[in-house]
Full PDB file with SEQRES, HELIX, SHEET, SSBOND, CRYST1, ORIGX, SCALE, CONECT and MASTER records, all heavy atoms in Angstrom:
SEQRES   1 A   31  ALA ALA GLY TRP GLN MET SER ASN ALA PRO VAL PHE GLY          
SEQRES   2 A   31  MET ALA ILE HIS LEU ALA SER LEU GLU LEU PHE HIS GLN          
SEQRES   3 A   31  ALA GLY MET SER ASN                                          
HELIX    1 AA1 ALA A    2  TRP A    4  5                                   3    
HELIX    2 AA2 VAL A   11  ALA A   27  1                                  17    
CRYST1    1.000    1.000    1.000  90.00  90.00  90.00 P 1           1          
ORIGX1      1.000000  0.000000  0.000000        0.00000                         
ORIGX2      0.000000  1.000000  0.000000        0.00000                         
ORIGX3      0.000000  0.000000  1.000000        0.00000                         
SCALE1      1.000000  0.000000  0.000000        0.00000                         
SCALE2      0.000000  1.000000  0.000000        0.00000                         
SCALE3      0.000000  0.000000  1.000000        0.00000                         
ATOM      1  N   ALA A   1     160.372  60.834 155.958  1.00  0.00           N  
ATOM      2  CA  ALA A   1     161.226  60.930 154.773  1.00  0.00           C  
ATOM      3  C   ALA A   1     161.105  62.288 154.094  1.00  0.00           C  
ATOM      4  O   ALA A   1     162.047  62.737 153.427  1.00  0.00           O  
ATOM      5  CB  ALA A   1     160.874  59.819 153.799  1.00  0.00           C  
ATOM      6  N   ALA A   2     159.975  62.952 154.255  1.00  0.00           N  
ATOM      7  CA  ALA A   2     159.790  64.271 153.637  1.00  0.00           C  
ATOM      8  C   ALA A   2     160.824  65.273 154.122  1.00  0.00           C  
ATOM      9  O   ALA A   2     161.084  66.271 153.446  1.00  0.00           O  
ATOM     10  CB  ALA A   2     158.380  64.786 153.919  1.00  0.00           C  
ATOM     11  N   GLY A   3     161.425  65.025 155.274  1.00  0.00           N  
ATOM     12  CA  GLY A   3     162.448  65.911 155.805  1.00  0.00           C  
ATOM     13  C   GLY A   3     163.769  65.838 155.064  1.00  0.00           C  
ATOM     14  O   GLY A   3     164.697  66.571 155.398  1.00  0.00           O  
ATOM     15  N   TRP A   4     163.866  64.959 154.057  1.00  0.00           N  
ATOM     16  CA  TRP A   4     165.062  64.878 153.215  1.00  0.00           C  
ATOM     17  C   TRP A   4     164.877  65.617 151.883  1.00  0.00           C  
ATOM     18  O   TRP A   4     165.780  65.639 151.070  1.00  0.00           O  
ATOM     19  CB  TRP A   4     165.426  63.421 152.949  1.00  0.00           C  
ATOM     20  CG  TRP A   4     166.358  62.837 153.962  1.00  0.00           C  
ATOM     21  CD1 TRP A   4     167.701  62.608 153.821  1.00  0.00           C  
ATOM     22  CD2 TRP A   4     166.042  62.401 155.291  1.00  0.00           C  
ATOM     23  NE1 TRP A   4     168.223  62.062 154.964  1.00  0.00           N  
ATOM     24  CE2 TRP A   4     167.226  61.922 155.889  1.00  0.00           C  
ATOM     25  CE3 TRP A   4     164.865  62.374 156.046  1.00  0.00           C  
ATOM     26  CZ2 TRP A   4     167.266  61.419 157.185  1.00  0.00           C  
ATOM     27  CZ3 TRP A   4     164.897  61.882 157.328  1.00  0.00           C  
ATOM     28  CH2 TRP A   4     166.090  61.411 157.890  1.00  0.00           C  
ATOM     29  N   GLN A   5     163.713  66.197 151.661  1.00  0.00           N  
ATOM     30  CA  GLN A   5     163.488  66.919 150.412  1.00  0.00           C  
ATOM     31  C   GLN A   5     164.400  68.138 150.335  1.00  0.00           C  
ATOM     32  O   GLN A   5     164.687  68.774 151.334  1.00  0.00           O  
ATOM     33  CB  GLN A   5     162.038  67.389 150.313  1.00  0.00           C  
ATOM     34  CG  GLN A   5     161.030  66.260 150.179  1.00  0.00           C  
ATOM     35  CD  GLN A   5     159.611  66.781 150.169  1.00  0.00           C  
ATOM     36  OE1 GLN A   5     158.958  66.840 149.143  1.00  0.00           O  
ATOM     37  NE2 GLN A   5     159.143  67.162 151.341  1.00  0.00           N  
ATOM     38  N   MET A   6     164.820  68.444 149.121  1.00  0.00           N  
ATOM     39  CA  MET A   6     165.675  69.592 148.897  1.00  0.00           C  
ATOM     40  C   MET A   6     164.923  70.738 148.227  1.00  0.00           C  
ATOM     41  O   MET A   6     165.044  71.883 148.629  1.00  0.00           O  
ATOM     42  CB  MET A   6     166.874  69.208 148.021  1.00  0.00           C  
ATOM     43  CG  MET A   6     167.683  68.034 148.527  1.00  0.00           C  
ATOM     44  SD  MET A   6     168.535  68.370 150.077  1.00  0.00           S  
ATOM     45  CE  MET A   6     169.851  69.436 149.521  1.00  0.00           C  
ATOM     46  N   SER A   7     164.162  70.419 147.211  1.00  0.00           N  
ATOM     47  CA  SER A   7     163.527  71.437 146.380  1.00  0.00           C  
ATOM     48  C   SER A   7     162.073  71.068 146.133  1.00  0.00           C  
ATOM     49  O   SER A   7     161.643  69.933 146.359  1.00  0.00           O  
ATOM     50  CB  SER A   7     164.258  71.549 145.036  1.00  0.00           C  
ATOM     51  OG  SER A   7     165.625  71.802 145.219  1.00  0.00           O  
ATOM     52  N   ASN A   8     161.314  72.063 145.642  1.00  0.00           N  
ATOM     53  CA  ASN A   8     159.899  71.799 145.407  1.00  0.00           C  
ATOM     54  C   ASN A   8     159.694  70.808 144.267  1.00  0.00           C  
ATOM     55  O   ASN A   8     160.587  70.541 143.472  1.00  0.00           O  
ATOM     56  CB  ASN A   8     159.131  73.099 145.155  1.00  0.00           C  
ATOM     57  CG  ASN A   8     159.726  73.943 144.066  1.00  0.00           C  
ATOM     58  OD1 ASN A   8     160.930  73.953 143.860  1.00  0.00           O  
ATOM     59  ND2 ASN A   8     158.877  74.661 143.351  1.00  0.00           N  
ATOM     60  N   ALA A   9     158.495  70.290 144.193  1.00  0.00           N  
ATOM     61  CA  ALA A   9     158.193  69.144 143.336  1.00  0.00           C  
ATOM     62  C   ALA A   9     158.318  69.475 141.854  1.00  0.00           C  
ATOM     63  O   ALA A   9     157.803  70.506 141.406  1.00  0.00           O  
ATOM     64  CB  ALA A   9     156.781  68.652 143.631  1.00  0.00           C  
ATOM     65  N   PRO A  10     158.966  68.597 141.049  1.00  0.00           N  
ATOM     66  CA  PRO A  10     158.913  68.701 139.583  1.00  0.00           C  
ATOM     67  C   PRO A  10     157.563  68.153 139.113  1.00  0.00           C  
ATOM     68  O   PRO A  10     157.419  66.953 138.841  1.00  0.00           O  
ATOM     69  CB  PRO A  10     160.094  67.837 139.134  1.00  0.00           C  
ATOM     70  CG  PRO A  10     160.247  66.820 140.216  1.00  0.00           C  
ATOM     71  CD  PRO A  10     159.806  67.482 141.497  1.00  0.00           C  
ATOM     72  N   VAL A  11     156.592  69.030 139.007  1.00  0.00           N  
ATOM     73  CA  VAL A  11     155.196  68.627 138.902  1.00  0.00           C  
ATOM     74  C   VAL A  11     154.911  67.804 137.652  1.00  0.00           C  
ATOM     75  O   VAL A  11     154.184  66.803 137.716  1.00  0.00           O  
ATOM     76  CB  VAL A  11     154.288  69.876 138.964  1.00  0.00           C  
ATOM     77  CG1 VAL A  11     152.849  69.522 138.589  1.00  0.00           C  
ATOM     78  CG2 VAL A  11     154.340  70.475 140.366  1.00  0.00           C  
ATOM     79  N   PHE A  12     155.455  68.192 136.498  1.00  0.00           N  
ATOM     80  CA  PHE A  12     155.103  67.474 135.270  1.00  0.00           C  
ATOM     81  C   PHE A  12     155.563  66.020 135.321  1.00  0.00           C  
ATOM     82  O   PHE A  12     154.832  65.110 134.912  1.00  0.00           O  
ATOM     83  CB  PHE A  12     155.686  68.191 134.052  1.00  0.00           C  
ATOM     84  CG  PHE A  12     155.193  69.606 133.913  1.00  0.00           C  
ATOM     85  CD1 PHE A  12     156.084  70.657 133.815  1.00  0.00           C  
ATOM     86  CD2 PHE A  12     153.836  69.888 133.911  1.00  0.00           C  
ATOM     87  CE1 PHE A  12     155.632  71.964 133.704  1.00  0.00           C  
ATOM     88  CE2 PHE A  12     153.368  71.190 133.806  1.00  0.00           C  
ATOM     89  CZ  PHE A  12     154.267  72.235 133.702  1.00  0.00           C  
ATOM     90  N   GLY A  13     156.776  65.788 135.811  1.00  0.00           N  
ATOM     91  CA  GLY A  13     157.244  64.417 135.957  1.00  0.00           C  
ATOM     92  C   GLY A  13     156.441  63.654 136.991  1.00  0.00           C  
ATOM     93  O   GLY A  13     156.097  62.485 136.800  1.00  0.00           O  
ATOM     94  N   MET A  14     156.134  64.305 138.098  1.00  0.00           N  
ATOM     95  CA  MET A  14     155.356  63.645 139.136  1.00  0.00           C  
ATOM     96  C   MET A  14     153.947  63.317 138.662  1.00  0.00           C  
ATOM     97  O   MET A  14     153.352  62.327 139.097  1.00  0.00           O  
ATOM     98  CB  MET A  14     155.314  64.514 140.389  1.00  0.00           C  
ATOM     99  CG  MET A  14     156.577  64.471 141.213  1.00  0.00           C  
ATOM    100  SD  MET A  14     156.338  65.317 142.793  1.00  0.00           S  
ATOM    101  CE  MET A  14     157.878  64.895 143.634  1.00  0.00           C  
ATOM    102  N   ALA A  15     153.394  64.145 137.766  1.00  0.00           N  
ATOM    103  CA  ALA A  15     152.057  63.884 137.249  1.00  0.00           C  
ATOM    104  C   ALA A  15     152.030  62.557 136.489  1.00  0.00           C  
ATOM    105  O   ALA A  15     151.093  61.757 136.628  1.00  0.00           O  
ATOM    106  CB  ALA A  15     151.607  65.028 136.348  1.00  0.00           C  
ATOM    107  N   ILE A  16     153.061  62.310 135.676  1.00  0.00           N  
ATOM    108  CA  ILE A  16     153.142  61.028 134.967  1.00  0.00           C  
ATOM    109  C   ILE A  16     153.326  59.884 135.954  1.00  0.00           C  
ATOM    110  O   ILE A  16     152.692  58.826 135.838  1.00  0.00           O  
ATOM    111  CB  ILE A  16     154.302  61.045 133.961  1.00  0.00           C  
ATOM    112  CG1 ILE A  16     154.092  62.117 132.899  1.00  0.00           C  
ATOM    113  CG2 ILE A  16     154.468  59.676 133.303  1.00  0.00           C  
ATOM    114  CD1 ILE A  16     155.259  62.279 131.946  1.00  0.00           C  
ATOM    115  N   HIS A  17     154.190  60.095 136.922  1.00  0.00           N  
ATOM    116  CA  HIS A  17     154.446  59.045 137.911  1.00  0.00           C  
ATOM    117  C   HIS A  17     153.169  58.697 138.673  1.00  0.00           C  
ATOM    118  O   HIS A  17     152.879  57.513 138.908  1.00  0.00           O  
ATOM    119  CB  HIS A  17     155.530  59.521 138.875  1.00  0.00           C  
ATOM    120  CG  HIS A  17     156.013  58.467 139.824  1.00  0.00           C  
ATOM    121  ND1 HIS A  17     156.139  57.142 139.483  1.00  0.00           N  
ATOM    122  CD2 HIS A  17     156.399  58.555 141.132  1.00  0.00           C  
ATOM    123  CE1 HIS A  17     156.585  56.452 140.530  1.00  0.00           C  
ATOM    124  NE2 HIS A  17     156.739  57.276 141.532  1.00  0.00           N  
ATOM    125  N   LEU A  18     152.391  59.705 139.016  1.00  0.00           N  
ATOM    126  CA  LEU A  18     151.133  59.457 139.713  1.00  0.00           C  
ATOM    127  C   LEU A  18     150.177  58.656 138.831  1.00  0.00           C  
ATOM    128  O   LEU A  18     149.498  57.736 139.310  1.00  0.00           O  
ATOM    129  CB  LEU A  18     150.494  60.786 140.122  1.00  0.00           C  
ATOM    130  CG  LEU A  18     149.133  60.703 140.822  1.00  0.00           C  
ATOM    131  CD1 LEU A  18     149.194  59.819 142.057  1.00  0.00           C  
ATOM    132  CD2 LEU A  18     148.631  62.105 141.178  1.00  0.00           C  
ATOM    133  N   ALA A  19     150.120  58.980 137.545  1.00  0.00           N  
ATOM    134  CA  ALA A  19     149.254  58.231 136.635  1.00  0.00           C  
ATOM    135  C   ALA A  19     149.642  56.753 136.609  1.00  0.00           C  
ATOM    136  O   ALA A  19     148.765  55.868 136.585  1.00  0.00           O  
ATOM    137  CB  ALA A  19     149.341  58.828 135.232  1.00  0.00           C  
ATOM    138  N   SER A  20     150.935  56.473 136.619  1.00  0.00           N  
ATOM    139  CA  SER A  20     151.390  55.088 136.631  1.00  0.00           C  
ATOM    140  C   SER A  20     151.112  54.410 137.971  1.00  0.00           C  
ATOM    141  O   SER A  20     150.662  53.262 138.021  1.00  0.00           O  
ATOM    142  CB  SER A  20     152.884  55.018 136.311  1.00  0.00           C  
ATOM    143  OG  SER A  20     153.332  53.673 136.312  1.00  0.00           O  
ATOM    144  N   LEU A  21     151.373  55.126 139.060  1.00  0.00           N  
ATOM    145  CA  LEU A  21     151.132  54.549 140.381  1.00  0.00           C  
ATOM    146  C   LEU A  21     149.665  54.180 140.580  1.00  0.00           C  
ATOM    147  O   LEU A  21     149.349  53.198 141.271  1.00  0.00           O  
ATOM    148  CB  LEU A  21     151.570  55.523 141.474  1.00  0.00           C  
ATOM    149  CG  LEU A  21     153.080  55.720 141.648  1.00  0.00           C  
ATOM    150  CD1 LEU A  21     153.351  56.806 142.688  1.00  0.00           C  
ATOM    151  CD2 LEU A  21     153.762  54.421 142.062  1.00  0.00           C  
ATOM    152  N   GLU A  22     148.784  54.939 139.968  1.00  0.00           N  
ATOM    153  CA  GLU A  22     147.356  54.617 140.075  1.00  0.00           C  
ATOM    154  C   GLU A  22     147.062  53.258 139.454  1.00  0.00           C  
ATOM    155  O   GLU A  22     146.236  52.486 139.975  1.00  0.00           O  
ATOM    156  CB  GLU A  22     146.529  55.716 139.392  1.00  0.00           C  
ATOM    157  CG  GLU A  22     146.499  57.009 140.195  1.00  0.00           C  
ATOM    158  CD  GLU A  22     145.886  58.172 139.431  1.00  0.00           C  
ATOM    159  OE1 GLU A  22     145.741  58.061 138.185  1.00  0.00           O  
ATOM    160  OE2 GLU A  22     145.553  59.191 140.063  1.00  0.00           O  
ATOM    161  N   LEU A  23     147.747  52.925 138.360  1.00  0.00           N  
ATOM    162  CA  LEU A  23     147.564  51.614 137.743  1.00  0.00           C  
ATOM    163  C   LEU A  23     148.087  50.501 138.645  1.00  0.00           C  
ATOM    164  O   LEU A  23     147.459  49.443 138.769  1.00  0.00           O  
ATOM    165  CB  LEU A  23     148.271  51.569 136.386  1.00  0.00           C  
ATOM    166  CG  LEU A  23     147.720  52.506 135.304  1.00  0.00           C  
ATOM    167  CD1 LEU A  23     148.582  52.444 134.055  1.00  0.00           C  
ATOM    168  CD2 LEU A  23     146.273  52.159 134.974  1.00  0.00           C  
ATOM    169  N   PHE A  24     149.222  50.732 139.274  1.00  0.00           N  
ATOM    170  CA  PHE A  24     149.768  49.729 140.190  1.00  0.00           C  
ATOM    171  C   PHE A  24     148.847  49.531 141.394  1.00  0.00           C  
ATOM    172  O   PHE A  24     148.685  48.410 141.884  1.00  0.00           O  
ATOM    173  CB  PHE A  24     151.175  50.121 140.636  1.00  0.00           C  
ATOM    174  CG  PHE A  24     152.241  49.735 139.658  1.00  0.00           C  
ATOM    175  CD1 PHE A  24     152.530  50.550 138.576  1.00  0.00           C  
ATOM    176  CD2 PHE A  24     152.931  48.553 139.788  1.00  0.00           C  
ATOM    177  CE1 PHE A  24     153.499  50.194 137.646  1.00  0.00           C  
ATOM    178  CE2 PHE A  24     153.903  48.176 138.870  1.00  0.00           C  
ATOM    179  CZ  PHE A  24     154.191  49.003 137.795  1.00  0.00           C  
ATOM    180  N   HIS A  25     148.253  50.624 141.859  1.00  0.00           N  
ATOM    181  CA  HIS A  25     147.310  50.525 142.970  1.00  0.00           C  
ATOM    182  C   HIS A  25     146.114  49.662 142.569  1.00  0.00           C  
ATOM    183  O   HIS A  25     145.658  48.810 143.345  1.00  0.00           O  
ATOM    184  CB  HIS A  25     146.854  51.926 143.378  1.00  0.00           C  
ATOM    185  CG  HIS A  25     145.730  51.926 144.369  1.00  0.00           C  
ATOM    186  ND1 HIS A  25     145.887  51.527 145.678  1.00  0.00           N  
ATOM    187  CD2 HIS A  25     144.418  52.268 144.235  1.00  0.00           C  
ATOM    188  CE1 HIS A  25     144.736  51.629 146.314  1.00  0.00           C  
ATOM    189  NE2 HIS A  25     143.832  52.066 145.470  1.00  0.00           N  
ATOM    190  N   GLN A  26     145.626  49.866 141.353  1.00  0.00           N  
ATOM    191  CA  GLN A  26     144.477  49.091 140.891  1.00  0.00           C  
ATOM    192  C   GLN A  26     144.840  47.617 140.715  1.00  0.00           C  
ATOM    193  O   GLN A  26     144.047  46.728 141.044  1.00  0.00           O  
ATOM    194  CB  GLN A  26     143.974  49.663 139.564  1.00  0.00           C  
ATOM    195  CG  GLN A  26     143.385  51.059 139.664  1.00  0.00           C  
ATOM    196  CD  GLN A  26     143.219  51.710 138.298  1.00  0.00           C  
ATOM    197  OE1 GLN A  26     143.156  51.037 137.261  1.00  0.00           O  
ATOM    198  NE2 GLN A  26     143.162  53.035 138.272  1.00  0.00           N  
ATOM    199  N   ALA A  27     146.031  47.361 140.208  1.00  0.00           N  
ATOM    200  CA  ALA A  27     146.435  45.973 139.960  1.00  0.00           C  
ATOM    201  C   ALA A  27     146.798  45.246 141.247  1.00  0.00           C  
ATOM    202  O   ALA A  27     146.451  44.069 141.423  1.00  0.00           O  
ATOM    203  CB  ALA A  27     147.615  45.945 138.988  1.00  0.00           C  
ATOM    204  N   GLY A  28     147.507  45.923 142.147  1.00  0.00           N  
ATOM    205  CA  GLY A  28     147.961  45.310 143.395  1.00  0.00           C  
ATOM    206  C   GLY A  28     149.287  44.608 143.219  1.00  0.00           C  
ATOM    207  O   GLY A  28     149.415  43.741 142.345  1.00  0.00           O  
ATOM    208  N   MET A  29     150.273  44.962 144.042  1.00  0.00           N  
ATOM    209  CA  MET A  29     151.608  44.398 143.881  1.00  0.00           C  
ATOM    210  C   MET A  29     151.628  42.893 144.117  1.00  0.00           C  
ATOM    211  O   MET A  29     152.363  42.165 143.437  1.00  0.00           O  
ATOM    212  CB  MET A  29     152.606  45.077 144.815  1.00  0.00           C  
ATOM    213  CG  MET A  29     153.238  46.345 144.258  1.00  0.00           C  
ATOM    214  SD  MET A  29     153.994  46.161 142.609  1.00  0.00           S  
ATOM    215  CE  MET A  29     155.107  44.776 142.838  1.00  0.00           C  
ATOM    216  N   SER A  30     150.853  42.386 145.043  1.00  0.00           N  
ATOM    217  CA  SER A  30     150.870  40.937 145.282  1.00  0.00           C  
ATOM    218  C   SER A  30     150.330  40.192 144.065  1.00  0.00           C  
ATOM    219  O   SER A  30     150.843  39.124 143.700  1.00  0.00           O  
ATOM    220  CB  SER A  30     150.070  40.581 146.534  1.00  0.00           C  
ATOM    221  OG  SER A  30     148.710  40.962 146.399  1.00  0.00           O  
ATOM    222  N   ASN A  31     149.302  40.752 143.413  1.00  0.00           N  
ATOM    223  CA  ASN A  31     148.773  40.131 142.195  1.00  0.00           C  
ATOM    224  C   ASN A  31     149.798  40.174 141.069  1.00  0.00           C  
ATOM    225  O   ASN A  31     149.980  39.191 140.330  1.00  0.00           O  
ATOM    226  CB  ASN A  31     147.498  40.845 141.746  1.00  0.00           C  
ATOM    227  CG  ASN A  31     146.381  40.741 142.761  1.00  0.00           C  
ATOM    228  OD1 ASN A  31     146.260  39.739 143.456  1.00  0.00           O  
ATOM    229  ND2 ASN A  31     145.555  41.766 142.849  1.00  0.00           N  
TER     230      ASN A  31                                                      
MASTER        0    0    0    2    0    0    0    6  229    1    0    3          
END                                                                             
């Protein structure tokens, strides 16, 4: 899927998204 990227990463937005994804990882989607 990385082969569909157009431009380099919007880091500040991705930083927030990563912070949220870490919580989902800890909680677990099945839970």
